[in-house]
Amino acid sequence: MKNLFLSAFFVLALVVNGFAVDKNKTAKKETGASYFAKNNFTSRFQGAKDVEWSEVDNYYKASFTLNGEKKSAFFDAQGEYVATTQYVKADKIPAESLAKLKKLYKDYSIGEVLHFEVDSQVSSLPYSFSSDSGNSYYFVSLRKSDSQIVVKINSGNDISYFKSL
């Protein structure tokens, strides 16, 4: 009787585990960007190659290559376009902003530069991306001996501390 009970329990465990595995496989297939995000991406970034989708902080992120440049585009939960990011060289920062940055942070060396282009119609962004400061931002990592910080430059050439790394 004990062996029959253990055998029945073992078979039941295998069946339940099998259903759980199938459900997890299905869930993995269904994760990723919504139909609307993919559709909006396709129409906005025609010719994009090597597109990979992921979810980041309640946004859909498409990492891709367009005209030989690597970029990422973000879409909200409804699939609406929010912003595009791309790593660029420091010389892509507007000249006035770059001169101001070098003056304010003369003891720092410039590291990575991330260009962040926000859709002007988006209202769901954090307060630090207010529409009165334009829709183009640069996030610049600066290093000085053993400290590293990130500053934000907006379209009006205003430079502000963003965070320490």
Protein backbone atom coordinates (compact mmCIF):
# COMPACT_ATOMS: atom_id res chain seq x y z
CA MET A 1 0.00 0.00 0.00
CA LYS A 2 2.85 2.34 0.91
CA ASN A 3 4.59 1.65 -2.43
CA LEU A 4 1.36 2.29 -4.32
CA PHE A 5 0.91 5.62 -2.52
CA LEU A 6 4.53 6.66 -3.24
CA SER A 7 4.22 5.63 -6.90
CA ALA A 8 0.98 7.59 -7.31
CA PHE A 9 2.58 10.64 -5.64
CA PHE A 10 5.64 10.37 -7.92
CA VAL A 11 3.51 10.18 -11.09
CA LEU A 12 1.36 13.09 -9.91
CA ALA A 13 4.51 15.16 -9.26
CA LEU A 14 5.82 14.43 -12.76
CA VAL A 15 2.51 15.39 -14.38
CA VAL A 16 2.27 18.65 -12.41
CA ASN A 17 5.91 19.46 -13.20
CA GLY A 18 5.27 18.75 -16.89
CA PHE A 19 2.39 21.21 -16.98
CA ALA A 20 4.45 23.81 -15.13
CA VAL A 21 7.32 23.46 -17.60
CA ASP A 22 4.94 23.82 -20.56
CA LYS A 23 3.34 26.88 -18.98
CA ASN A 24 6.78 28.49 -18.41
CA LYS A 25 7.77 27.81 -22.02
CA THR A 26 4.58 29.42 -23.23
CA ALA A 27 5.10 32.41 -20.95
CA LYS A 28 8.62 32.90 -22.27
CA LYS A 29 7.36 32.88 -25.85
CA GLU A 30 4.77 35.51 -25.01
CA THR A 31 7.11 37.92 -23.23
CA GLY A 32 8.65 40.75 -25.18
CA ALA A 33 7.18 43.74 -26.87
CA SER A 34 3.52 44.18 -27.61
CA TYR A 35 2.15 44.09 -31.12
CA PHE A 36 1.72 47.89 -31.01
CA ALA A 37 5.32 48.50 -29.93
CA LYS A 38 6.66 46.26 -32.69
CA ASN A 39 4.39 47.90 -35.25
CA ASN A 40 5.41 51.41 -34.17
CA PHE A 41 9.06 50.37 -34.19
CA THR A 42 8.83 48.99 -37.72
CA SER A 43 7.23 52.15 -39.09
CA ARG A 44 9.61 54.52 -37.27
CA PHE A 45 12.89 52.65 -37.85
CA GLN A 46 12.61 51.25 -41.36
CA GLY A 47 15.65 49.25 -42.34
CA ALA A 48 16.64 48.38 -38.76
CA LYS A 49 18.65 45.19 -38.44
CA ASP A 50 19.50 42.76 -35.62
CA VAL A 51 16.48 43.84 -33.55
CA GLU A 52 16.31 42.39 -30.04
CA TRP A 53 13.44 43.12 -27.65
CA SER A 54 13.53 43.26 -23.85
CA GLU A 55 11.62 44.84 -21.00
CA VAL A 56 13.26 47.54 -18.88
CA ASP A 57 11.48 49.33 -16.03
CA ASN A 58 8.00 48.93 -17.52
CA TYR A 59 9.17 49.94 -21.01
CA TYR A 60 9.75 47.80 -24.08
CA LYS A 61 13.30 48.23 -25.38
CA ALA A 62 14.36 47.44 -28.93
CA SER A 63 18.13 47.23 -29.43
CA PHE A 64 19.04 47.40 -33.10
CA THR A 65 21.42 48.59 -35.80
CA LEU A 66 20.37 51.29 -38.26
CA ASN A 67 22.70 52.61 -40.96
CA GLY A 68 25.62 50.92 -39.22
CA GLU A 69 24.92 52.57 -35.84
CA LYS A 70 23.79 50.73 -32.71
CA LYS A 71 20.75 52.27 -31.02
CA SER A 72 17.98 51.46 -28.58
CA ALA A 73 14.37 52.61 -28.77
CA PHE A 74 11.91 52.60 -25.89
CA PHE A 75 8.13 52.15 -26.03
CA ASP A 76 5.59 52.48 -23.20
CA ALA A 77 3.10 49.82 -22.09
CA GLN A 78 0.66 50.90 -24.80
CA GLY A 79 3.35 50.51 -27.47
CA GLU A 80 3.85 54.24 -28.04
CA TYR A 81 7.35 55.46 -28.91
CA VAL A 82 9.07 57.21 -25.98
CA ALA A 83 12.77 57.72 -26.71
CA THR A 84 15.90 56.61 -28.53
CA THR A 85 19.36 56.19 -27.02
CA GLN A 86 22.75 55.84 -28.64
CA TYR A 87 26.33 55.92 -27.39
CA VAL A 88 28.25 58.64 -29.21
CA LYS A 89 31.69 60.22 -29.11
CA ALA A 90 32.23 63.35 -27.02
CA ASP A 91 32.62 65.48 -30.14
CA LYS A 92 28.90 64.89 -30.87
CA ILE A 93 27.98 67.04 -27.85
CA PRO A 94 27.09 70.56 -29.04
CA ALA A 95 30.22 72.76 -29.02
CA GLU A 96 28.85 75.26 -26.49
CA SER A 97 27.88 72.48 -24.08
CA LEU A 98 31.21 70.70 -24.50
CA ALA A 99 33.16 73.91 -23.77
CA LYS A 100 31.00 74.56 -20.70
CA LEU A 101 31.44 70.96 -19.53
CA LYS A 102 35.23 71.14 -19.85
CA LYS A 103 35.27 74.42 -17.92
CA LEU A 104 33.00 73.22 -15.09
CA TYR A 105 34.67 69.83 -14.76
CA LYS A 106 38.23 70.67 -15.81
CA ASP A 107 39.77 68.08 -13.47
CA TYR A 108 37.65 65.28 -14.93
CA SER A 109 38.16 63.18 -18.03
CA ILE A 110 35.21 62.41 -20.28
CA GLY A 111 34.15 58.78 -20.58
CA GLU A 112 31.05 57.40 -22.24
CA VAL A 113 28.46 59.71 -23.74
CA LEU A 114 24.85 58.60 -24.16
CA HIS A 115 22.60 60.63 -26.42
CA PHE A 116 18.97 60.44 -25.29
CA GLU A 117 16.32 61.70 -27.73
CA VAL A 118 12.80 61.98 -26.27
CA ASP A 119 9.58 62.08 -28.28
CA SER A 120 8.13 65.56 -27.76
CA GLN A 121 4.59 64.12 -27.45
CA VAL A 122 5.37 61.84 -24.48
CA SER A 123 3.92 62.80 -21.13
CA SER A 124 4.88 59.69 -19.13
CA LEU A 125 8.55 60.51 -18.57
CA PRO A 126 10.10 61.35 -15.19
CA TYR A 127 10.18 65.01 -14.17
CA SER A 128 13.87 65.33 -15.04
CA PHE A 129 12.90 65.23 -18.72
CA SER A 130 10.60 68.21 -18.76
CA SER A 131 9.49 69.53 -22.14
CA ASP A 132 10.74 73.05 -21.40
CA SER A 133 14.33 71.82 -21.64
CA GLY A 134 13.93 70.32 -25.10
CA ASN A 135 13.92 66.74 -26.23
CA SER A 136 17.62 65.99 -26.65
CA TYR A 137 19.88 65.10 -23.74
CA TYR A 138 23.43 63.90 -23.28
CA PHE A 139 24.48 61.84 -20.29
CA VAL A 140 28.23 62.09 -19.83
CA SER A 141 30.31 59.98 -17.47
CA LEU A 142 33.19 61.90 -15.94
CA ARG A 143 36.11 60.39 -14.05
CA LYS A 144 38.52 61.97 -11.61
CA SER A 145 41.02 59.72 -9.80
CA ASP A 146 38.80 57.26 -7.91
CA SER A 147 35.42 58.97 -8.37
CA GLN A 148 33.06 58.78 -11.29
CA ILE A 149 29.91 60.85 -11.86
CA VAL A 150 27.33 61.30 -14.58
CA VAL A 151 26.06 64.70 -15.67
CA LYS A 152 23.07 65.54 -17.83
CA ILE A 153 23.20 68.16 -20.60
CA ASN A 154 19.89 69.38 -22.01
CA SER A 155 19.07 71.14 -25.28
CA GLY A 156 19.53 74.53 -23.61
CA ASN A 157 23.18 73.67 -22.81
CA ASP A 158 22.36 73.41 -19.09
CA ILE A 159 24.60 70.95 -17.28
CA SER A 160 23.41 69.28 -14.09
CA TYR A 161 24.70 66.54 -11.82
CA PHE A 162 22.81 63.30 -12.46
CA LYS A 163 24.39 60.62 -10.23
CA SER A 164 27.57 59.06 -8.85
CA LEU A 165 28.81 55.70 -10.07
